[in-house]
Amino acid sequence: MFSVSRRPRFNALLGVLVLAYATAASAVPAPVTAPAPAVSGMVGVDFSKLTADEASDLIELFKQGICPCDAKSSLYDCVQARKCDKATELAGFAADRFREGLSEDQVREAVVRKYFDDFKTFTFDLSNTPRKGAEKPKVVIVEFADFECPHCALVSRSLAEVVKAYPKDVAVYYKHFPLPMHTDAEVASRASFAAHKQGKFWPMHDLIFANQAALGGTRLEAFATELGLNLARFKVEMNSVEAAKLVDRDKKEGEDSMLTGTPTLYINGKLYHDEKTAEAIQAHVKKLLATPKGKAVR
């Protein structure tokens, strides 16, 4: 497991996929122009004008994907059983993209986006979760981050700019997702929890990210002193069962939400899979604010 920032863009998207398909083979097969035989189709899905390879790729993708109506069934099984209109719609969408001339990888990415944008909404326990921004936000951004992840430090600054641009409309909630290869990330999360107990989460958050290359030893305690915290209380709460449980809660929520790396953002319950610059996030927020409630943002 590693930071999403080190992956190519498409592989990063695959990392959070509910569709667990394999990456494309490096060898490119010779094109097949014959239409797919009828037996290779799916119930209620138009496979006309698909090549045999395209039909095979689509079916394999849907056999590996999880049905949005039944987590115990594959997309393929739901389509064949006619028990999920969403799965059938997704299959028709994929077939249409092949007919438009998109490559296998492009079809996969399009399917991923439609799946998350149209069919998957995530909910999180925001109790005792640090928040910055609007008290009654129209746009809620839930950020999962690791204090030793360099890209998380960059995105934290982007999110601060977004909140500054939309102080009455946007709130950012911070969730802990320390990665196992970052040896000081979890203790840094617990230190930020202890600071939160004394009303100083965000100043501690900023100090940790500004010094993330050197968090070992007594540095976290030094940060607490710099922030004017009660040091004895800070050390007790940093090492408390409550701190460990909160970090574990956040990690489990991230795992249950198909997160595999950091930083990952969910905006109004939807996985955000575009660029994480301040400009891109602000553009997305602007679309959300301009879109009537209940309609999907494209």
C-alpha atoms as a PDB file:
ATOM      1  CA  MET A   1       0.000   0.000   0.000  1.00  0.00           C
ATOM      2  CA  PHE A   2       1.393   3.383  -0.863  1.00  0.00           C
ATOM      3  CA  SER A   3       0.447   6.968  -1.466  1.00  0.00           C
ATOM      4  CA  VAL A   4      -1.787   7.551  -4.457  1.00  0.00           C
ATOM      5  CA  SER A   5       0.511  10.412  -5.377  1.00  0.00           C
ATOM      6  CA  ARG A   6       3.106   7.883  -6.569  1.00  0.00           C
ATOM      7  CA  ARG A   7       0.771   6.114  -8.958  1.00  0.00           C
ATOM      8  CA  PRO A   8      -0.043   6.993 -12.533  1.00  0.00           C
ATOM      9  CA  ARG A   9      -3.414   8.705 -12.743  1.00  0.00           C
ATOM     10  CA  PHE A  10      -5.297   5.703 -14.147  1.00  0.00           C
ATOM     11  CA  ASN A  11      -3.751   3.229 -11.719  1.00  0.00           C
ATOM     12  CA  ALA A  12      -4.652   5.577  -8.861  1.00  0.00           C
ATOM     13  CA  LEU A  13      -8.242   5.437  -9.982  1.00  0.00           C
ATOM     14  CA  LEU A  14      -8.081   1.657 -10.187  1.00  0.00           C
ATOM     15  CA  GLY A  15      -6.809   1.605  -6.614  1.00  0.00           C
ATOM     16  CA  VAL A  16     -10.177   2.802  -5.312  1.00  0.00           C
ATOM     17  CA  LEU A  17     -12.231   0.777  -7.743  1.00  0.00           C
ATOM     18  CA  VAL A  18     -15.099  -1.340  -6.680  1.00  0.00           C
ATOM     19  CA  LEU A  19     -14.308  -3.095  -9.976  1.00  0.00           C
ATOM     20  CA  ALA A  20     -11.301  -5.300  -9.320  1.00  0.00           C
ATOM     21  CA  TYR A  21     -10.225  -5.836 -12.875  1.00  0.00           C
ATOM     22  CA  ALA A  22      -6.677  -6.647 -13.911  1.00  0.00           C
ATOM     23  CA  THR A  23      -4.471  -4.168 -15.712  1.00  0.00           C
ATOM     24  CA  ALA A  24      -4.291  -4.520 -19.453  1.00  0.00           C
ATOM     25  CA  ALA A  25      -1.735  -6.941 -20.886  1.00  0.00           C
ATOM     26  CA  SER A  26       1.352  -5.364 -22.365  1.00  0.00           C
ATOM     27  CA  ALA A  27       1.035  -7.249 -25.658  1.00  0.00           C
ATOM     28  CA  VAL A  28      -1.582  -5.805 -27.992  1.00  0.00           C
ATOM     29  CA  PRO A  29      -3.513  -8.545 -29.848  1.00  0.00           C
ATOM     30  CA  ALA A  30      -4.319  -8.260 -33.528  1.00  0.00           C
ATOM     31  CA  PRO A  31      -7.696  -6.588 -34.061  1.00  0.00           C
ATOM     32  CA  VAL A  32     -10.651  -8.906 -34.551  1.00  0.00           C
ATOM     33  CA  THR A  33     -13.334  -7.562 -36.827  1.00  0.00           C
ATOM     34  CA  ALA A  34     -15.872 -10.354 -36.573  1.00  0.00           C
ATOM     35  CA  PRO A  35     -18.925  -9.474 -34.466  1.00  0.00           C
ATOM     36  CA  ALA A  36     -19.275 -11.149 -31.100  1.00  0.00           C
ATOM     37  CA  PRO A  37     -21.406 -14.266 -31.155  1.00  0.00           C
ATOM     38  CA  ALA A  38     -24.803 -13.902 -29.490  1.00  0.00           C
ATOM     39  CA  VAL A  39     -23.844 -16.353 -26.766  1.00  0.00           C
ATOM     40  CA  SER A  40     -21.181 -13.889 -25.569  1.00  0.00           C
ATOM     41  CA  GLY A  41     -23.731 -11.164 -24.807  1.00  0.00           C
ATOM     42  CA  MET A  42     -25.568 -10.193 -21.661  1.00  0.00           C
ATOM     43  CA  VAL A  43     -29.294 -10.171 -21.098  1.00  0.00           C
ATOM     44  CA  GLY A  44     -30.857  -6.888 -22.126  1.00  0.00           C
ATOM     45  CA  VAL A  45     -27.567  -5.380 -23.377  1.00  0.00           C
ATOM     46  CA  ASP A  46     -26.951  -4.461 -27.004  1.00  0.00           C
ATOM     47  CA  PHE A  47     -23.683  -6.079 -28.120  1.00  0.00           C
ATOM     48  CA  SER A  48     -24.106  -5.189 -31.782  1.00  0.00           C
ATOM     49  CA  LYS A  49     -21.019  -3.891 -33.611  1.00  0.00           C
ATOM     50  CA  LEU A  50     -18.691  -5.038 -30.811  1.00  0.00           C
ATOM     51  CA  THR A  51     -15.705  -7.152 -31.809  1.00  0.00           C
ATOM     52  CA  ALA A  52     -15.248 -10.530 -30.145  1.00  0.00           C
ATOM     53  CA  ASP A  53     -12.420  -9.090 -28.031  1.00  0.00           C
ATOM     54  CA  GLU A  54     -14.497  -6.095 -26.934  1.00  0.00           C
ATOM     55  CA  ALA A  55     -17.395  -8.355 -25.946  1.00  0.00           C
ATOM     56  CA  SER A  56     -15.030 -10.624 -24.031  1.00  0.00           C
ATOM     57  CA  ASP A  57     -13.390  -7.683 -22.242  1.00  0.00           C
ATOM     58  CA  LEU A  58     -16.755  -6.227 -21.254  1.00  0.00           C
ATOM     59  CA  ILE A  59     -18.028  -9.531 -19.888  1.00  0.00           C
ATOM     60  CA  GLU A  60     -14.817 -10.166 -17.927  1.00  0.00           C
ATOM     61  CA  LEU A  61     -14.964  -6.667 -16.452  1.00  0.00           C
ATOM     62  CA  PHE A  62     -18.524  -7.216 -15.290  1.00  0.00           C
ATOM     63  CA  LYS A  63     -17.778 -10.656 -13.852  1.00  0.00           C
ATOM     64  CA  GLN A  64     -15.145  -9.044 -11.629  1.00  0.00           C
ATOM     65  CA  GLY A  65     -17.166  -5.961 -10.648  1.00  0.00           C
ATOM     66  CA  ILE A  66     -19.498  -5.778  -7.650  1.00  0.00           C
ATOM     67  CA  CYS A  67     -23.182  -5.173  -8.321  1.00  0.00           C
ATOM     68  CA  PRO A  68     -24.439  -1.825  -6.913  1.00  0.00           C
ATOM     69  CA  CYS A  69     -27.694  -3.520  -5.877  1.00  0.00           C
ATOM     70  CA  ASP A  70     -26.173  -6.591  -4.204  1.00  0.00           C
ATOM     71  CA  ALA A  71     -22.639  -6.577  -2.799  1.00  0.00           C
ATOM     72  CA  LYS A  72     -22.590 -10.401  -2.820  1.00  0.00           C
ATOM     73  CA  SER A  73     -23.152 -10.614  -6.576  1.00  0.00           C
ATOM     74  CA  SER A  74     -21.086  -9.599  -9.571  1.00  0.00           C
ATOM     75  CA  LEU A  75     -22.290  -7.022 -12.052  1.00  0.00           C
ATOM     76  CA  TYR A  76     -22.532  -9.797 -14.630  1.00  0.00           C
ATOM     77  CA  ASP A  77     -24.739 -11.988 -12.426  1.00  0.00           C
ATOM     78  CA  CYS A  78     -27.054  -9.060 -11.639  1.00  0.00           C
ATOM     79  CA  VAL A  79     -27.433  -8.264 -15.342  1.00  0.00           C
ATOM     80  CA  GLN A  80     -28.089 -11.882 -16.272  1.00  0.00           C
ATOM     81  CA  ALA A  81     -30.649 -12.281 -13.465  1.00  0.00           C
ATOM     82  CA  ARG A  82     -32.360  -9.002 -14.435  1.00  0.00           C
ATOM     83  CA  LYS A  83     -32.323  -7.976 -10.769  1.00  0.00           C
ATOM     84  CA  CYS A  84     -30.481  -4.646 -10.996  1.00  0.00           C
ATOM     85  CA  ASP A  85     -31.380  -1.948 -13.498  1.00  0.00           C
ATOM     86  CA  LYS A  86     -28.238  -0.037 -12.477  1.00  0.00           C
ATOM     87  CA  ALA A  87     -25.990  -2.938 -13.503  1.00  0.00           C
ATOM     88  CA  THR A  88     -27.793  -3.274 -16.830  1.00  0.00           C
ATOM     89  CA  GLU A  89     -27.506   0.484 -17.424  1.00  0.00           C
ATOM     90  CA  LEU A  90     -23.787   0.321 -16.671  1.00  0.00           C
ATOM     91  CA  ALA A  91     -23.297  -2.567 -19.118  1.00  0.00           C
ATOM     92  CA  GLY A  92     -25.139  -0.692 -21.871  1.00  0.00           C
ATOM     93  CA  PHE A  93     -23.026   2.372 -21.123  1.00  0.00           C
ATOM     94  CA  ALA A  94     -19.818   0.316 -21.475  1.00  0.00           C
ATOM     95  CA  ALA A  95     -20.974  -1.208 -24.765  1.00  0.00           C
ATOM     96  CA  ASP A  96     -21.786   2.264 -26.108  1.00  0.00           C
ATOM     97  CA  ARG A  97     -18.300   3.502 -25.226  1.00  0.00           C
ATOM     98  CA  PHE A  98     -16.733   0.621 -27.181  1.00  0.00           C
ATOM     99  CA  ARG A  99     -18.931   1.477 -30.157  1.00  0.00           C
ATOM    100  CA  GLU A 100     -17.696   5.076 -29.951  1.00  0.00           C
ATOM    101  CA  GLY A 101     -14.171   3.762 -30.529  1.00  0.00           C
ATOM    102  CA  LEU A 102     -12.776   4.104 -26.989  1.00  0.00           C
ATOM    103  CA  SER A 103      -9.934   1.802 -26.004  1.00  0.00           C
ATOM    104  CA  GLU A 104     -10.305  -0.885 -23.360  1.00  0.00           C
ATOM    105  CA  ASP A 105      -8.628   1.299 -20.715  1.00  0.00           C
ATOM    106  CA  GLN A 106     -10.772   4.311 -21.637  1.00  0.00           C
ATOM    107  CA  VAL A 107     -13.938   2.236 -21.337  1.00  0.00           C
ATOM    108  CA  ARG A 108     -12.843   0.960 -17.959  1.00  0.00           C
ATOM    109  CA  GLU A 109     -12.158   4.460 -16.656  1.00  0.00           C
ATOM    110  CA  ALA A 110     -15.507   5.693 -18.005  1.00  0.00           C
ATOM    111  CA  VAL A 111     -17.289   2.811 -16.265  1.00  0.00           C
ATOM    112  CA  VAL A 112     -15.485   3.587 -13.005  1.00  0.00           C
ATOM    113  CA  ARG A 113     -16.514   7.218 -13.128  1.00  0.00           C
ATOM    114  CA  LYS A 114     -20.149   6.425 -13.899  1.00  0.00           C
ATOM    115  CA  TYR A 115     -20.263   3.800 -11.159  1.00  0.00           C
ATOM    116  CA  PHE A 116     -19.068   6.202  -8.489  1.00  0.00           C
ATOM    117  CA  ASP A 117     -20.832   9.311  -9.809  1.00  0.00           C
ATOM    118  CA  ASP A 118     -24.232   7.730 -10.335  1.00  0.00           C
ATOM    119  CA  PHE A 119     -24.500   4.707  -8.071  1.00  0.00           C
ATOM    120  CA  LYS A 120     -22.214   5.016  -5.044  1.00  0.00           C
ATOM    121  CA  THR A 121     -22.568   7.427  -2.124  1.00  0.00           C
ATOM    122  CA  PHE A 122     -20.470   7.089   1.041  1.00  0.00           C
ATOM    123  CA  THR A 123     -21.382   8.118   4.573  1.00  0.00           C
ATOM    124  CA  PHE A 124     -18.953   8.773   7.426  1.00  0.00           C
ATOM    125  CA  ASP A 125     -19.087   9.170  11.183  1.00  0.00           C
ATOM    126  CA  LEU A 126     -18.096  12.806  11.652  1.00  0.00           C
ATOM    127  CA  SER A 127     -18.433  12.834  15.428  1.00  0.00           C
ATOM    128  CA  ASN A 128     -15.204  13.957  17.106  1.00  0.00           C
ATOM    129  CA  THR A 129     -13.787  14.650  13.631  1.00  0.00           C
ATOM    130  CA  PRO A 130     -11.836  17.921  13.175  1.00  0.00           C
ATOM    131  CA  ARG A 131     -13.641  20.403  10.940  1.00  0.00           C
ATOM    132  CA  LYS A 132     -12.707  23.688   9.337  1.00  0.00           C
ATOM    133  CA  GLY A 133     -15.016  25.969   7.413  1.00  0.00           C
ATOM    134  CA  ALA A 134     -18.763  26.505   7.422  1.00  0.00           C
ATOM    135  CA  GLU A 135     -20.825  25.347  10.396  1.00  0.00           C
ATOM    136  CA  LYS A 136     -23.775  24.542   8.130  1.00  0.00           C
ATOM    137  CA  PRO A 137     -22.043  23.680   4.858  1.00  0.00           C
ATOM    138  CA  LYS A 138     -23.652  23.056   1.507  1.00  0.00           C
ATOM    139  CA  VAL A 139     -20.531  21.156   0.455  1.00  0.00           C
ATOM    140  CA  VAL A 140     -18.847  18.689   2.812  1.00  0.00           C
ATOM    141  CA  ILE A 141     -15.337  17.483   1.971  1.00  0.00           C
ATOM    142  CA  VAL A 142     -14.093  14.455   3.893  1.00  0.00           C
ATOM    143  CA  GLU A 143     -10.337  14.095   3.527  1.00  0.00           C
ATOM    144  CA  PHE A 144      -8.433  10.903   4.361  1.00  0.00           C
ATOM    145  CA  ALA A 145      -4.761  11.693   4.827  1.00  0.00           C
ATOM    146  CA  ASP A 146      -1.445  10.476   6.211  1.00  0.00           C
ATOM    147  CA  PHE A 147       0.788  12.949   8.043  1.00  0.00           C
ATOM    148  CA  GLU A 148       3.927  11.590   6.353  1.00  0.00           C
ATOM    149  CA  CYS A 149       2.480  11.632   2.830  1.00  0.00           C
ATOM    150  CA  PRO A 150       4.093  14.516   0.871  1.00  0.00           C
ATOM    151  CA  HIS A 151       1.122  14.902  -1.443  1.00  0.00           C
ATOM    152  CA  CYS A 152      -1.201  15.132   1.570  1.00  0.00           C
ATOM    153  CA  ALA A 153       0.749  18.189   2.720  1.00  0.00           C
ATOM    154  CA  LEU A 154       0.168  19.817  -0.675  1.00  0.00           C
ATOM    155  CA  VAL A 155      -3.526  18.947  -0.714  1.00  0.00           C
ATOM    156  CA  SER A 156      -3.965  20.303   2.819  1.00  0.00           C
ATOM    157  CA  ARG A 157      -2.944  23.698   1.474  1.00  0.00           C
ATOM    158  CA  SER A 158      -5.308  23.324  -1.480  1.00  0.00           C
ATOM    159  CA  LEU A 159      -8.199  22.576   0.865  1.00  0.00           C
ATOM    160  CA  ALA A 160      -7.350  25.585   3.021  1.00  0.00           C
ATOM    161  CA  GLU A 161      -7.651  27.748  -0.100  1.00  0.00           C
ATOM    162  CA  VAL A 162     -11.010  26.183  -0.951  1.00  0.00           C
ATOM    163  CA  VAL A 163     -12.374  26.929   2.517  1.00  0.00           C
ATOM    164  CA  LYS A 164     -11.052  30.475   2.282  1.00  0.00           C
ATOM    165  CA  ALA A 165     -12.788  30.916  -1.079  1.00  0.00           C
ATOM    166  CA  TYR A 166     -16.108  29.481   0.190  1.00  0.00           C
ATOM    167  CA  PRO A 167     -16.174  30.201   3.953  1.00  0.00           C
ATOM    168  CA  LYS A 168     -19.963  29.970   4.228  1.00  0.00           C
ATOM    169  CA  ASP A 169     -20.481  27.011   1.934  1.00  0.00           C
ATOM    170  CA  VAL A 170     -17.661  24.494   2.435  1.00  0.00           C
ATOM    171  CA  ALA A 171     -16.493  22.446   5.404  1.00  0.00           C
ATOM    172  CA  VAL A 172     -13.494  20.114   5.423  1.00  0.00           C
ATOM    173  CA  TYR A 173     -13.339  17.163   7.822  1.00  0.00           C
ATOM    174  CA  TYR A 174     -10.018  15.428   8.461  1.00  0.00           C
ATOM    175  CA  LYS A 175      -9.893  11.628   8.712  1.00  0.00           C
ATOM    176  CA  HIS A 176      -6.783   9.670   9.669  1.00  0.00           C
ATOM    177  CA  PHE A 177      -5.384   7.041   7.315  1.00  0.00           C
ATOM    178  CA  PRO A 178      -1.757   6.416   8.373  1.00  0.00           C
ATOM    179  CA  LEU A 179      -0.023   4.134   5.895  1.00  0.00           C
ATOM    180  CA  PRO A 180       1.962   1.177   7.282  1.00  0.00           C
ATOM    181  CA  MET A 181       5.288   2.108   5.676  1.00  0.00           C
ATOM    182  CA  HIS A 182       5.248   5.541   7.354  1.00  0.00           C
ATOM    183  CA  THR A 183       6.642   4.769  10.785  1.00  0.00           C
ATOM    184  CA  ASP A 184       5.627   8.029  12.464  1.00  0.00           C
ATOM    185  CA  ALA A 185       2.272   8.586  10.760  1.00  0.00           C
ATOM    186  CA  GLU A 186       0.104   6.849  13.344  1.00  0.00           C
ATOM    187  CA  VAL A 187       1.703   8.522  16.359  1.00  0.00           C
ATOM    188  CA  ALA A 188       1.351  11.835  14.533  1.00  0.00           C
ATOM    189  CA  SER A 189      -2.354  11.089  14.113  1.00  0.00           C
ATOM    190  CA  ARG A 190      -2.657  10.382  17.828  1.00  0.00           C
ATOM    191  CA  ALA A 191      -0.741  13.586  18.609  1.00  0.00           C
ATOM    192  CA  SER A 192      -3.174  15.597  16.481  1.00  0.00           C
ATOM    193  CA  PHE A 193      -6.039  13.927  18.368  1.00  0.00           C
ATOM    194  CA  ALA A 194      -4.499  15.019  21.667  1.00  0.00           C
ATOM    195  CA  ALA A 195      -4.150  18.552  20.318  1.00  0.00           C
ATOM    196  CA  HIS A 196      -7.777  18.428  19.181  1.00  0.00           C
ATOM    197  CA  LYS A 197      -8.799  17.646  22.766  1.00  0.00           C
ATOM    198  CA  GLN A 198      -7.285  21.022  23.701  1.00  0.00           C
ATOM    199  CA  GLY A 199      -8.798  22.871  20.733  1.00  0.00           C
ATOM    200  CA  LYS A 200      -5.606  22.974  18.655  1.00  0.00           C
ATOM    201  CA  PHE A 201      -6.012  20.300  16.000  1.00  0.00           C
ATOM    202  CA  TRP A 202      -5.480  22.550  12.978  1.00  0.00           C
ATOM    203  CA  PRO A 203      -2.397  24.341  14.341  1.00  0.00           C
ATOM    204  CA  MET A 204      -0.921  20.899  15.175  1.00  0.00           C
ATOM    205  CA  HIS A 205      -1.980  19.609  11.750  1.00  0.00           C
ATOM    206  CA  ASP A 206      -0.115  22.480  10.081  1.00  0.00           C
ATOM    207  CA  LEU A 207       3.012  22.034  12.209  1.00  0.00           C
ATOM    208  CA  ILE A 208       3.175  18.302  11.504  1.00  0.00           C
ATOM    209  CA  PHE A 209       2.833  18.771   7.757  1.00  0.00           C
ATOM    210  CA  ALA A 210       5.437  21.549   7.790  1.00  0.00           C
ATOM    211  CA  ASN A 211       7.890  19.192   9.529  1.00  0.00           C
ATOM    212  CA  GLN A 212       6.769  15.821   8.222  1.00  0.00           C
ATOM    213  CA  ALA A 213      10.296  14.686   7.356  1.00  0.00           C
ATOM    214  CA  ALA A 214      11.301  14.719  11.028  1.00  0.00           C
ATOM    215  CA  LEU A 215       8.530  13.598  13.365  1.00  0.00           C
ATOM    216  CA  GLY A 216      10.444  11.126  15.520  1.00  0.00           C
ATOM    217  CA  GLY A 217      11.724  11.402  19.055  1.00  0.00           C
ATOM    218  CA  THR A 218      10.218  14.245  21.071  1.00  0.00           C
ATOM    219  CA  ARG A 219       9.311  16.471  18.120  1.00  0.00           C
ATOM    220  CA  LEU A 220       5.569  16.043  18.627  1.00  0.00           C
ATOM    221  CA  GLU A 221       5.890  17.009  22.258  1.00  0.00           C
ATOM    222  CA  ALA A 222       7.928  20.038  21.178  1.00  0.00           C
ATOM    223  CA  PHE A 223       5.078  21.029  18.852  1.00  0.00           C
ATOM    224  CA  ALA A 224       2.634  20.739  21.755  1.00  0.00           C
ATOM    225  CA  THR A 225       4.826  23.026  23.838  1.00  0.00           C
ATOM    226  CA  GLU A 226       5.104  25.491  20.955  1.00  0.00           C
ATOM    227  CA  LEU A 227       1.299  25.593  20.732  1.00  0.00           C
ATOM    228  CA  GLY A 228       0.942  26.234  24.454  1.00  0.00           C
ATOM    229  CA  LEU A 229      -0.764  22.944  25.230  1.00  0.00           C
ATOM    230  CA  ASN A 230      -0.816  21.334  28.661  1.00  0.00           C
ATOM    231  CA  LEU A 231       2.045  18.928  27.980  1.00  0.00           C
ATOM    232  CA  ALA A 232       1.202  16.379  30.690  1.00  0.00           C
ATOM    233  CA  ARG A 233      -2.382  16.123  29.437  1.00  0.00           C
ATOM    234  CA  PHE A 234      -1.188  16.013  25.831  1.00  0.00           C
ATOM    235  CA  LYS A 235       1.078  13.005  26.469  1.00  0.00           C
ATOM    236  CA  VAL A 236      -1.641  11.105  28.320  1.00  0.00           C
ATOM    237  CA  GLU A 237      -4.231  11.714  25.606  1.00  0.00           C
ATOM    238  CA  MET A 238      -1.808  10.999  22.776  1.00  0.00           C
ATOM    239  CA  ASN A 239      -1.203   7.524  24.221  1.00  0.00           C
ATOM    240  CA  SER A 240      -4.788   6.887  25.277  1.00  0.00           C
ATOM    241  CA  VAL A 241      -7.094   4.081  24.180  1.00  0.00           C
ATOM    242  CA  GLU A 242      -9.494   6.775  22.943  1.00  0.00           C
ATOM    243  CA  ALA A 243      -6.886   8.112  20.512  1.00  0.00           C
ATOM    244  CA  ALA A 244      -6.088   4.637  19.177  1.00  0.00           C
ATOM    245  CA  LYS A 245      -9.780   3.822  18.747  1.00  0.00           C
ATOM    246  CA  LEU A 246     -10.467   7.033  16.834  1.00  0.00           C
ATOM    247  CA  VAL A 247      -7.587   6.424  14.417  1.00  0.00           C
ATOM    248  CA  ASP A 248      -8.717   2.818  13.954  1.00  0.00           C
ATOM    249  CA  ARG A 249     -12.280   4.000  13.300  1.00  0.00           C
ATOM    250  CA  ASP A 250     -11.098   6.353  10.572  1.00  0.00           C
ATOM    251  CA  LYS A 251      -8.888   3.700   8.978  1.00  0.00           C
ATOM    252  CA  LYS A 252     -11.753   1.203   8.887  1.00  0.00           C
ATOM    253  CA  GLU A 253     -14.056   3.794   7.331  1.00  0.00           C
ATOM    254  CA  GLY A 254     -11.451   4.440   4.667  1.00  0.00           C
ATOM    255  CA  GLU A 255     -11.037   0.750   3.939  1.00  0.00           C
ATOM    256  CA  ASP A 256     -14.823   0.267   3.805  1.00  0.00           C
ATOM    257  CA  SER A 257     -14.978   3.165   1.331  1.00  0.00           C
ATOM    258  CA  MET A 258     -12.559   1.452  -1.085  1.00  0.00           C
ATOM    259  CA  LEU A 259      -9.659   3.709  -0.196  1.00  0.00           C
ATOM    260  CA  THR A 260      -6.168   2.341  -0.793  1.00  0.00           C
ATOM    261  CA  GLY A 261      -3.963   5.424  -0.657  1.00  0.00           C
ATOM    262  CA  THR A 262      -3.706   9.022   0.425  1.00  0.00           C
ATOM    263  CA  PRO A 263      -4.884  11.658  -0.009  1.00  0.00           C
ATOM    264  CA  THR A 264      -8.432  10.657  -0.924  1.00  0.00           C
ATOM    265  CA  LEU A 265     -11.362  13.065  -0.921  1.00  0.00           C
ATOM    266  CA  TYR A 266     -15.094  12.442  -0.749  1.00  0.00           C
ATOM    267  CA  ILE A 267     -17.223  15.468  -1.623  1.00  0.00           C
ATOM    268  CA  ASN A 268     -20.865  15.336  -0.544  1.00  0.00           C
ATOM    269  CA  GLY A 269     -20.483  11.578  -0.198  1.00  0.00           C
ATOM    270  CA  LYS A 270     -19.036  11.040  -3.669  1.00  0.00           C
ATOM    271  CA  LEU A 271     -15.511   9.884  -4.366  1.00  0.00           C
ATOM    272  CA  TYR A 272     -13.633  12.797  -5.920  1.00  0.00           C
ATOM    273  CA  HIS A 273     -11.327  11.518  -8.666  1.00  0.00           C
ATOM    274  CA  ASP A 274     -10.153  14.662 -10.448  1.00  0.00           C
ATOM    275  CA  GLU A 275      -7.068  16.798  -9.847  1.00  0.00           C
ATOM    276  CA  LYS A 276      -6.577  17.885  -6.244  1.00  0.00           C
ATOM    277  CA  THR A 277      -5.351  21.396  -6.918  1.00  0.00           C
ATOM    278  CA  ALA A 278      -7.175  24.276  -5.250  1.00  0.00           C
ATOM    279  CA  GLU A 279      -8.383  25.438  -8.656  1.00  0.00           C
ATOM    280  CA  ALA A 280      -9.825  22.048  -9.641  1.00  0.00           C
ATOM    281  CA  ILE A 281     -11.545  21.492  -6.291  1.00  0.00           C
ATOM    282  CA  GLN A 282     -12.977  25.017  -6.334  1.00  0.00           C
ATOM    283  CA  ALA A 283     -14.323  24.405  -9.846  1.00  0.00           C
ATOM    284  CA  HIS A 284     -16.013  21.228  -8.614  1.00  0.00           C
ATOM    285  CA  VAL A 285     -17.472  23.062  -5.602  1.00  0.00           C
ATOM    286  CA  LYS A 286     -18.781  25.777  -7.912  1.00  0.00           C
ATOM    287  CA  LYS A 287     -20.562  23.142 -10.010  1.00  0.00           C
ATOM    288  CA  LEU A 288     -22.069  21.562  -6.904  1.00  0.00           C
ATOM    289  CA  LEU A 289     -23.372  24.884  -5.642  1.00  0.00           C
ATOM    290  CA  ALA A 290     -24.907  25.635  -9.048  1.00  0.00           C
ATOM    291  CA  THR A 291     -26.490  22.193  -9.503  1.00  0.00           C
ATOM    292  CA  PRO A 292     -30.071  21.662  -8.277  1.00  0.00           C
ATOM    293  CA  LYS A 293     -30.246  19.311  -5.324  1.00  0.00           C
ATOM    294  CA  GLY A 294     -30.642  15.677  -6.356  1.00  0.00           C
ATOM    295  CA  LYS A 295     -28.997  16.034  -9.762  1.00  0.00           C
ATOM    296  CA  ALA A 296     -25.614  14.504 -10.518  1.00  0.00           C
ATOM    297  CA  VAL A 297     -22.603  16.732 -11.151  1.00  0.00           C
ATOM    298  CA  ARG A 298     -20.713  15.971 -14.375  1.00  0.00           C
END
